[in-house]
């Protein structure tokens, strides 16, 4: 399987760059690595919500934070469960 590499140019605000740099440093990664992980996490979240599953942060078996609003508006109207 060949991998096609696409170069993307993105403009971020100063605050977004600072947040991205901070996350990269915190996780001993690069800014590109943080964006890749974010893309994977968002893909997982959308797939799970489309499947009707809820997304939450759980500690000791208890939901301490529910994550809502991940699905784009067009997908919310398609019959997928929206939180």
PDB file of N, CA and C in Angstrom:
ATOM      1  N   UNK A   1       0.848  -1.164   0.000  1.00  0.00           N
ATOM      2  CA  UNK A   1       0.000   0.000   0.000  1.00  0.00           C
ATOM      3  C   UNK A   1       0.897   1.232   0.000  1.00  0.00           C
ATOM      4  N   UNK A   2       0.668   2.124  -0.951  1.00  0.00           N
ATOM      5  CA  UNK A   2       1.467   3.348  -0.992  1.00  0.00           C
ATOM      6  C   UNK A   2       0.748   4.454  -0.220  1.00  0.00           C
ATOM      7  N   UNK A   3       1.530   5.281   0.411  1.00  0.00           N
ATOM      8  CA  UNK A   3       0.997   6.386   1.193  1.00  0.00           C
ATOM      9  C   UNK A   3       1.209   7.658   0.402  1.00  0.00           C
ATOM     10  N   UNK A   4       0.125   8.390   0.186  1.00  0.00           N
ATOM     11  CA  UNK A   4       0.222   9.653  -0.513  1.00  0.00           C
ATOM     12  C   UNK A   4       0.371  10.766   0.517  1.00  0.00           C
ATOM     13  N   UNK A   5       1.394  11.567   0.371  1.00  0.00           N
ATOM     14  CA  UNK A   5       1.642  12.655   1.305  1.00  0.00           C
ATOM     15  C   UNK A   5       1.165  13.952   0.674  1.00  0.00           C
ATOM     16  N   UNK A   6       0.367  14.673   1.438  1.00  0.00           N
ATOM     17  CA  UNK A   6      -0.140  15.960   0.999  1.00  0.00           C
ATOM     18  C   UNK A   6       0.362  17.019   1.968  1.00  0.00           C
ATOM     19  N   UNK A   7       0.886  18.095   1.442  1.00  0.00           N
ATOM     20  CA  UNK A   7       1.351  19.200   2.273  1.00  0.00           C
ATOM     21  C   UNK A   7       0.207  20.195   2.401  1.00  0.00           C
ATOM     22  N   UNK A   8      -0.118  20.563   3.639  1.00  0.00           N
ATOM     23  CA  UNK A   8      -1.224  21.479   3.906  1.00  0.00           C
ATOM     24  C   UNK A   8      -0.673  22.714   4.611  1.00  0.00           C
ATOM     25  N   UNK A   9      -1.098  23.852   4.155  1.00  0.00           N
ATOM     26  CA  UNK A   9      -0.709  25.105   4.799  1.00  0.00           C
ATOM     27  C   UNK A   9      -1.907  25.602   5.609  1.00  0.00           C
ATOM     28  N   UNK A  10      -1.683  25.857   6.887  1.00  0.00           N
ATOM     29  CA  UNK A  10      -2.761  26.264   7.779  1.00  0.00           C
ATOM     30  C   UNK A  10      -2.337  27.525   8.518  1.00  0.00           C
ATOM     31  N   UNK A  11      -3.261  28.452   8.667  1.00  0.00           N
ATOM     32  CA  UNK A  11      -2.985  29.662   9.444  1.00  0.00           C
ATOM     33  C   UNK A  11      -3.694  29.554  10.781  1.00  0.00           C
ATOM     34  N   UNK A  12      -2.938  29.754  11.851  1.00  0.00           N
ATOM     35  CA  UNK A  12      -3.484  29.717  13.198  1.00  0.00           C
ATOM     36  C   UNK A  12      -3.319  31.085  13.847  1.00  0.00           C
ATOM     37  N   UNK A  13      -4.221  31.391  14.751  1.00  0.00           N
ATOM     38  CA  UNK A  13      -4.070  32.611  15.540  1.00  0.00           C
ATOM     39  C   UNK A  13      -2.909  32.416  16.509  1.00  0.00           C
ATOM     40  N   UNK A  14      -2.444  33.515  17.085  1.00  0.00           N
ATOM     41  CA  UNK A  14      -1.338  33.434  18.042  1.00  0.00           C
ATOM     42  C   UNK A  14      -1.715  32.520  19.213  1.00  0.00           C
ATOM     43  N   UNK A  15      -2.948  32.645  19.697  1.00  0.00           N
ATOM     44  CA  UNK A  15      -3.407  31.815  20.814  1.00  0.00           C
ATOM     45  C   UNK A  15      -3.424  30.335  20.467  1.00  0.00           C
ATOM     46  N   UNK A  16      -3.869  30.028  19.245  1.00  0.00           N
ATOM     47  CA  UNK A  16      -3.913  28.627  18.813  1.00  0.00           C
ATOM     48  C   UNK A  16      -2.507  28.059  18.682  1.00  0.00           C
ATOM     49  N   UNK A  17      -1.569  28.869  18.177  1.00  0.00           N
ATOM     50  CA  UNK A  17      -0.173  28.412  18.052  1.00  0.00           C
ATOM     51  C   UNK A  17       0.414  28.154  19.431  1.00  0.00           C
ATOM     52  N   UNK A  18       0.121  29.042  20.370  1.00  0.00           N
ATOM     53  CA  UNK A  18       0.626  28.856  21.735  1.00  0.00           C
ATOM     54  C   UNK A  18       0.057  27.590  22.357  1.00  0.00           C
ATOM     55  N   UNK A  19      -1.253  27.360  22.150  1.00  0.00           N
ATOM     56  CA  UNK A  19      -1.877  26.143  22.685  1.00  0.00           C
ATOM     57  C   UNK A  19      -1.273  24.900  22.044  1.00  0.00           C
ATOM     58  N   UNK A  20      -1.084  24.940  20.735  1.00  0.00           N
ATOM     59  CA  UNK A  20      -0.500  23.807  20.008  1.00  0.00           C
ATOM     60  C   UNK A  20       0.932  23.543  20.463  1.00  0.00           C
ATOM     61  N   UNK A  21       1.710  24.592  20.618  1.00  0.00           N
ATOM     62  CA  UNK A  21       3.085  24.445  21.083  1.00  0.00           C
ATOM     63  C   UNK A  21       3.130  23.897  22.507  1.00  0.00           C
ATOM     64  N   UNK A  22       2.217  24.386  23.349  1.00  0.00           N
ATOM     65  CA  UNK A  22       2.157  23.907  24.728  1.00  0.00           C
ATOM     66  C   UNK A  22       1.804  22.429  24.809  1.00  0.00           C
ATOM     67  N   UNK A  23       0.842  22.009  23.988  1.00  0.00           N
ATOM     68  CA  UNK A  23       0.477  20.587  23.964  1.00  0.00           C
ATOM     69  C   UNK A  23       1.634  19.738  23.453  1.00  0.00           C
ATOM     70  N   UNK A  24       2.311  20.215  22.411  1.00  0.00           N
ATOM     71  CA  UNK A  24       3.443  19.464  21.862  1.00  0.00           C
ATOM     72  C   UNK A  24       4.527  19.281  22.925  1.00  0.00           C
ATOM     73  N   UNK A  25       4.814  20.348  23.660  1.00  0.00           N
ATOM     74  CA  UNK A  25       5.840  20.261  24.709  1.00  0.00           C
ATOM     75  C   UNK A  25       5.381  19.332  25.829  1.00  0.00           C
ATOM     76  N   UNK A  26       4.132  19.484  26.224  1.00  0.00           N
ATOM     77  CA  UNK A  26       3.580  18.680  27.324  1.00  0.00           C
ATOM     78  C   UNK A  26       3.625  17.189  27.015  1.00  0.00           C
ATOM     79  N   UNK A  27       3.368  16.826  25.763  1.00  0.00           N
ATOM     80  CA  UNK A  27       3.318  15.417  25.379  1.00  0.00           C
ATOM     81  C   UNK A  27       4.587  14.954  24.670  1.00  0.00           C
ATOM     82  N   UNK A  28       5.639  15.780  24.749  1.00  0.00           N
ATOM     83  CA  UNK A  28       6.916  15.448  24.119  1.00  0.00           C
ATOM     84  C   UNK A  28       6.704  15.011  22.678  1.00  0.00           C
ATOM     85  N   UNK A  29       5.998  15.843  21.949  1.00  0.00           N
ATOM     86  CA  UNK A  29       5.648  15.566  20.567  1.00  0.00           C
ATOM     87  C   UNK A  29       5.965  16.809  19.737  1.00  0.00           C
ATOM     88  N   UNK A  30       5.517  16.785  18.508  1.00  0.00           N
ATOM     89  CA  UNK A  30       5.626  17.958  17.640  1.00  0.00           C
ATOM     90  C   UNK A  30       4.232  18.541  17.442  1.00  0.00           C
ATOM     91  N   UNK A  31       4.171  19.742  16.872  1.00  0.00           N
ATOM     92  CA  UNK A  31       2.866  20.339  16.575  1.00  0.00           C
ATOM     93  C   UNK A  31       2.101  19.468  15.580  1.00  0.00           C
ATOM     94  N   UNK A  32       2.815  18.923  14.604  1.00  0.00           N
ATOM     95  CA  UNK A  32       2.180  18.023  13.628  1.00  0.00           C
ATOM     96  C   UNK A  32       1.663  16.765  14.333  1.00  0.00           C
ATOM     97  N   UNK A  33       2.435  16.241  15.274  1.00  0.00           N
ATOM     98  CA  UNK A  33       2.004  15.067  16.028  1.00  0.00           C
ATOM     99  C   UNK A  33       0.734  15.338  16.824  1.00  0.00           C
ATOM    100  N   UNK A  34       0.652  16.534  17.415  1.00  0.00           N
ATOM    101  CA  UNK A  34      -0.549  16.907  18.169  1.00  0.00           C
ATOM    102  C   UNK A  34      -1.751  17.000  17.227  1.00  0.00           C
ATOM    103  N   UNK A  35      -1.571  17.594  16.065  1.00  0.00           N
ATOM    104  CA  UNK A  35      -2.669  17.703  15.100  1.00  0.00           C
ATOM    105  C   UNK A  35      -3.109  16.318  14.629  1.00  0.00           C
ATOM    106  N   UNK A  36      -2.156  15.424  14.379  1.00  0.00           N
ATOM    107  CA  UNK A  36      -2.501  14.057  13.954  1.00  0.00           C
ATOM    108  C   UNK A  36      -3.312  13.336  15.030  1.00  0.00           C
ATOM    109  N   UNK A  37      -2.870  13.459  16.292  1.00  0.00           N
ATOM    110  CA  UNK A  37      -3.597  12.810  17.387  1.00  0.00           C
ATOM    111  C   UNK A  37      -4.989  13.407  17.547  1.00  0.00           C
ATOM    112  N   UNK A  38      -5.081  14.713  17.375  1.00  0.00           N
ATOM    113  CA  UNK A  38      -6.383  15.365  17.450  1.00  0.00           C
ATOM    114  C   UNK A  38      -7.318  14.878  16.360  1.00  0.00           C
ATOM    115  N   UNK A  39      -6.792  14.696  15.159  1.00  0.00           N
ATOM    116  CA  UNK A  39      -7.589  14.183  14.048  1.00  0.00           C
ATOM    117  C   UNK A  39      -8.070  12.762  14.329  1.00  0.00           C
ATOM    118  N   UNK A  40      -7.187  11.932  14.874  1.00  0.00           N
ATOM    119  CA  UNK A  40      -7.582  10.566  15.220  1.00  0.00           C
ATOM    120  C   UNK A  40      -8.652  10.551  16.311  1.00  0.00           C
ATOM    121  N   UNK A  41      -8.488  11.409  17.314  1.00  0.00           N
ATOM    122  CA  UNK A  41      -9.458  11.479  18.401  1.00  0.00           C
ATOM    123  C   UNK A  41     -10.815  11.972  17.900  1.00  0.00           C
ATOM    124  N   UNK A  42     -10.815  12.985  17.050  1.00  0.00           N
ATOM    125  CA  UNK A  42     -12.059  13.505  16.499  1.00  0.00           C
ATOM    126  C   UNK A  42     -12.745  12.452  15.630  1.00  0.00           C
ATOM    127  N   UNK A  43     -11.973  11.725  14.831  1.00  0.00           N
ATOM    128  CA  UNK A  43     -12.531  10.651  14.001  1.00  0.00           C
ATOM    129  C   UNK A  43     -13.186   9.579  14.873  1.00  0.00           C
ATOM    130  N   UNK A  44     -12.507   9.180  15.932  1.00  0.00           N
ATOM    131  CA  UNK A  44     -13.061   8.201  16.865  1.00  0.00           C
ATOM    132  C   UNK A  44     -14.358   8.718  17.490  1.00  0.00           C
ATOM    133  N   UNK A  45     -14.343   9.963  17.941  1.00  0.00           N
ATOM    134  CA  UNK A  45     -15.525  10.537  18.588  1.00  0.00           C
ATOM    135  C   UNK A  45     -16.717  10.588  17.639  1.00  0.00           C
ATOM    136  N   UNK A  46     -16.500  11.018  16.403  1.00  0.00           N
ATOM    137  CA  UNK A  46     -17.587  11.091  15.425  1.00  0.00           C
ATOM    138  C   UNK A  46     -18.109   9.703  15.102  1.00  0.00           C
ATOM    139  N   UNK A  47     -17.214   8.738  14.894  1.00  0.00           N
ATOM    140  CA  UNK A  47     -17.646   7.371  14.597  1.00  0.00           C
ATOM    141  C   UNK A  47     -18.488   6.796  15.729  1.00  0.00           C
ATOM    142  N   UNK A  48     -18.080   7.032  16.957  1.00  0.00           N
ATOM    143  CA  UNK A  48     -18.834   6.511  18.098  1.00  0.00           C
ATOM    144  C   UNK A  48     -20.189   7.191  18.243  1.00  0.00           C
ATOM    145  N   UNK A  49     -20.239   8.493  18.040  1.00  0.00           N
ATOM    146  CA  UNK A  49     -21.535   9.173  18.132  1.00  0.00           C
ATOM    147  C   UNK A  49     -22.458   8.737  17.003  1.00  0.00           C
ATOM    148  N   UNK A  50     -21.925   8.532  15.804  1.00  0.00           N
ATOM    149  CA  UNK A  50     -22.740   8.038  14.692  1.00  0.00           C
ATOM    150  C   UNK A  50     -23.299   6.651  15.003  1.00  0.00           C
ATOM    151  N   UNK A  51     -22.561   5.876  15.771  1.00  0.00           N
ATOM    152  CA  UNK A  51     -23.000   4.528  16.154  1.00  0.00           C
ATOM    153  C   UNK A  51     -23.991   4.575  17.330  1.00  0.00           C
ATOM    154  N   UNK A  52     -24.286   5.785  17.819  1.00  0.00           N
ATOM    155  CA  UNK A  52     -25.245   5.918  18.906  1.00  0.00           C
ATOM    156  C   UNK A  52     -24.629   5.849  20.286  1.00  0.00           C
ATOM    157  N   UNK A  53     -23.319   5.873  20.365  1.00  0.00           N
ATOM    158  CA  UNK A  53     -22.642   5.807  21.651  1.00  0.00           C
ATOM    159  C   UNK A  53     -22.391   7.203  22.212  1.00  0.00           C
ATOM    160  N   UNK A  54     -22.366   7.306  23.513  1.00  0.00           N
ATOM    161  CA  UNK A  54     -22.058   8.565  24.169  1.00  0.00           C
ATOM    162  C   UNK A  54     -20.568   8.623  24.447  1.00  0.00           C
ATOM    163  N   UNK A  55     -20.045   9.830  24.549  1.00  0.00           N
ATOM    164  CA  UNK A  55     -18.618  10.014  24.782  1.00  0.00           C
ATOM    165  C   UNK A  55     -18.462  10.761  26.101  1.00  0.00           C
ATOM    166  N   UNK A  56     -17.622  10.209  26.976  1.00  0.00           N
ATOM    167  CA  UNK A  56     -17.482  10.806  28.302  1.00  0.00           C
ATOM    168  C   UNK A  56     -16.108  10.519  28.879  1.00  0.00           C
ATOM    169  N   UNK A  57     -15.777  11.292  29.907  1.00  0.00           N
ATOM    170  CA  UNK A  57     -14.590  11.042  30.710  1.00  0.00           C
ATOM    171  C   UNK A  57     -15.073  10.304  31.953  1.00  0.00           C
ATOM    172  N   UNK A  58     -14.481   9.152  32.209  1.00  0.00           N
ATOM    173  CA  UNK A  58     -14.928   8.309  33.316  1.00  0.00           C
ATOM    174  C   UNK A  58     -13.790   8.131  34.313  1.00  0.00           C
ATOM    175  N   UNK A  59     -14.124   8.270  35.589  1.00  0.00           N
ATOM    176  CA  UNK A  59     -13.144   8.045  36.645  1.00  0.00           C
ATOM    177  C   UNK A  59     -13.790   7.170  37.705  1.00  0.00           C
ATOM    178  N   UNK A  60     -13.132   6.080  38.053  1.00  0.00           N
ATOM    179  CA  UNK A  60     -13.645   5.135  39.047  1.00  0.00           C
ATOM    180  C   UNK A  60     -15.068   4.685  38.722  1.00  0.00           C
ATOM    181  N   UNK A  61     -15.328   4.467  37.420  1.00  0.00           N
ATOM    182  CA  UNK A  61     -16.635   3.979  36.996  1.00  0.00           C
ATOM    183  C   UNK A  61     -17.734   5.027  36.972  1.00  0.00           C
ATOM    184  N   UNK A  62     -17.408   6.275  37.243  1.00  0.00           N
ATOM    185  CA  UNK A  62     -18.410   7.346  37.249  1.00  0.00           C
ATOM    186  C   UNK A  62     -18.094   8.348  36.151  1.00  0.00           C
ATOM    187  N   UNK A  63     -19.140   8.802  35.470  1.00  0.00           N
ATOM    188  CA  UNK A  63     -18.962   9.824  34.441  1.00  0.00           C
ATOM    189  C   UNK A  63     -18.719  11.156  35.133  1.00  0.00           C
ATOM    190  N   UNK A  64     -17.576  11.751  34.845  1.00  0.00           N
ATOM    191  CA  UNK A  64     -17.283  13.046  35.447  1.00  0.00           C
ATOM    192  C   UNK A  64     -17.406  14.188  34.445  1.00  0.00           C
ATOM    193  N   UNK A  65     -17.421  13.842  33.155  1.00  0.00           N
ATOM    194  CA  UNK A  65     -17.583  14.864  32.125  1.00  0.00           C
ATOM    195  C   UNK A  65     -18.142  14.210  30.875  1.00  0.00           C
ATOM    196  N   UNK A  66     -19.242  14.746  30.364  1.00  0.00           N
ATOM    197  CA  UNK A  66     -19.813  14.244  29.128  1.00  0.00           C
ATOM    198  C   UNK A  66     -19.398  15.178  27.995  1.00  0.00           C
ATOM    199  N   UNK A  67     -18.990  14.598  26.879  1.00  0.00           N
ATOM    200  CA  UNK A  67     -18.550  15.383  25.730  1.00  0.00           C
ATOM    201  C   UNK A  67     -19.692  15.410  24.723  1.00  0.00           C
ATOM    202  N   UNK A  68     -20.156  16.610  24.393  1.00  0.00           N
ATOM    203  CA  UNK A  68     -21.287  16.774  23.483  1.00  0.00           C
ATOM    204  C   UNK A  68     -20.905  17.673  22.322  1.00  0.00           C
ATOM    205  N   UNK A  69     -21.717  17.657  21.289  1.00  0.00           N
ATOM    206  CA  UNK A  69     -21.532  18.580  20.170  1.00  0.00           C
ATOM    207  C   UNK A  69     -20.423  18.219  19.212  1.00  0.00           C
ATOM    208  N   UNK A  70     -20.040  16.959  19.137  1.00  0.00           N
ATOM    209  CA  UNK A  70     -18.964  16.551  18.240  1.00  0.00           C
ATOM    210  C   UNK A  70     -19.464  16.412  16.797  1.00  0.00           C
ATOM    211  N   UNK A  71     -20.658  15.863  16.630  1.00  0.00           N
ATOM    212  CA  UNK A  71     -21.171  15.638  15.285  1.00  0.00           C
ATOM    213  C   UNK A  71     -21.471  16.947  14.573  1.00  0.00           C
ATOM    214  N   UNK A  72     -21.077  17.063  13.307  1.00  0.00           N
ATOM    215  CA  UNK A  72     -21.457  18.235  12.523  1.00  0.00           C
ATOM    216  C   UNK A  72     -22.977  18.277  12.358  1.00  0.00           C
ATOM    217  N   UNK A  73     -23.539  19.450  12.169  1.00  0.00           N
ATOM    218  CA  UNK A  73     -24.990  19.603  12.085  1.00  0.00           C
ATOM    219  C   UNK A  73     -25.620  18.685  11.053  1.00  0.00           C
ATOM    220  N   UNK A  74     -25.001  18.531   9.881  1.00  0.00           N
ATOM    221  CA  UNK A  74     -25.562  17.674   8.850  1.00  0.00           C
ATOM    222  C   UNK A  74     -25.702  16.229   9.286  1.00  0.00           C
ATOM    223  N   UNK A  75     -24.789  15.748  10.090  1.00  0.00           N
ATOM    224  CA  UNK A  75     -24.850  14.363  10.568  1.00  0.00           C
ATOM    225  C   UNK A  75     -25.844  14.215  11.703  1.00  0.00           C
ATOM    226  N   UNK A  76     -26.078  15.281  12.458  1.00  0.00           N
ATOM    227  CA  UNK A  76     -27.031  15.229  13.565  1.00  0.00           C
ATOM    228  C   UNK A  76     -28.430  14.978  13.047  1.00  0.00           C
ATOM    229  N   UNK A  77     -28.720  15.470  11.846  1.00  0.00           N
ATOM    230  CA  UNK A  77     -30.065  15.346  11.284  1.00  0.00           C
ATOM    231  C   UNK A  77     -30.278  14.025  10.543  1.00  0.00           C
ATOM    232  N   UNK A  78     -29.239  13.201  10.436  1.00  0.00           N
ATOM    233  CA  UNK A  78     -29.322  11.986   9.640  1.00  0.00           C
ATOM    234  C   UNK A  78     -29.836  10.779  10.414  1.00  0.00           C
ATOM    235  N   UNK A  79     -30.283  11.008  11.644  1.00  0.00           N
ATOM    236  CA  UNK A  79     -30.779   9.900  12.447  1.00  0.00           C
ATOM    237  C   UNK A  79     -29.762   9.370  13.422  1.00  0.00           C
ATOM    238  N   UNK A  80     -28.518   9.824  13.332  1.00  0.00           N
ATOM    239  CA  UNK A  80     -27.515   9.409  14.308  1.00  0.00           C
ATOM    240  C   UNK A  80     -27.856  10.044  15.637  1.00  0.00           C
ATOM    241  N   UNK A  81     -27.543   9.376  16.699  1.00  0.00           N
ATOM    242  CA  UNK A  81     -27.850   9.889  18.027  1.00  0.00           C
ATOM    243  C   UNK A  81     -26.988  11.105  18.321  1.00  0.00           C
ATOM    244  N   UNK A  82     -27.614  12.181  18.700  1.00  0.00           N
ATOM    245  CA  UNK A  82     -26.907  13.400  19.064  1.00  0.00           C
ATOM    246  C   UNK A  82     -27.034  13.613  20.548  1.00  0.00           C
ATOM    247  N   UNK A  83     -25.940  13.944  21.201  1.00  0.00           N
ATOM    248  CA  UNK A  83     -25.972  14.137  22.649  1.00  0.00           C
ATOM    249  C   UNK A  83     -26.280  15.559  22.996  1.00  0.00           C
TER     250      UNK A  83
END
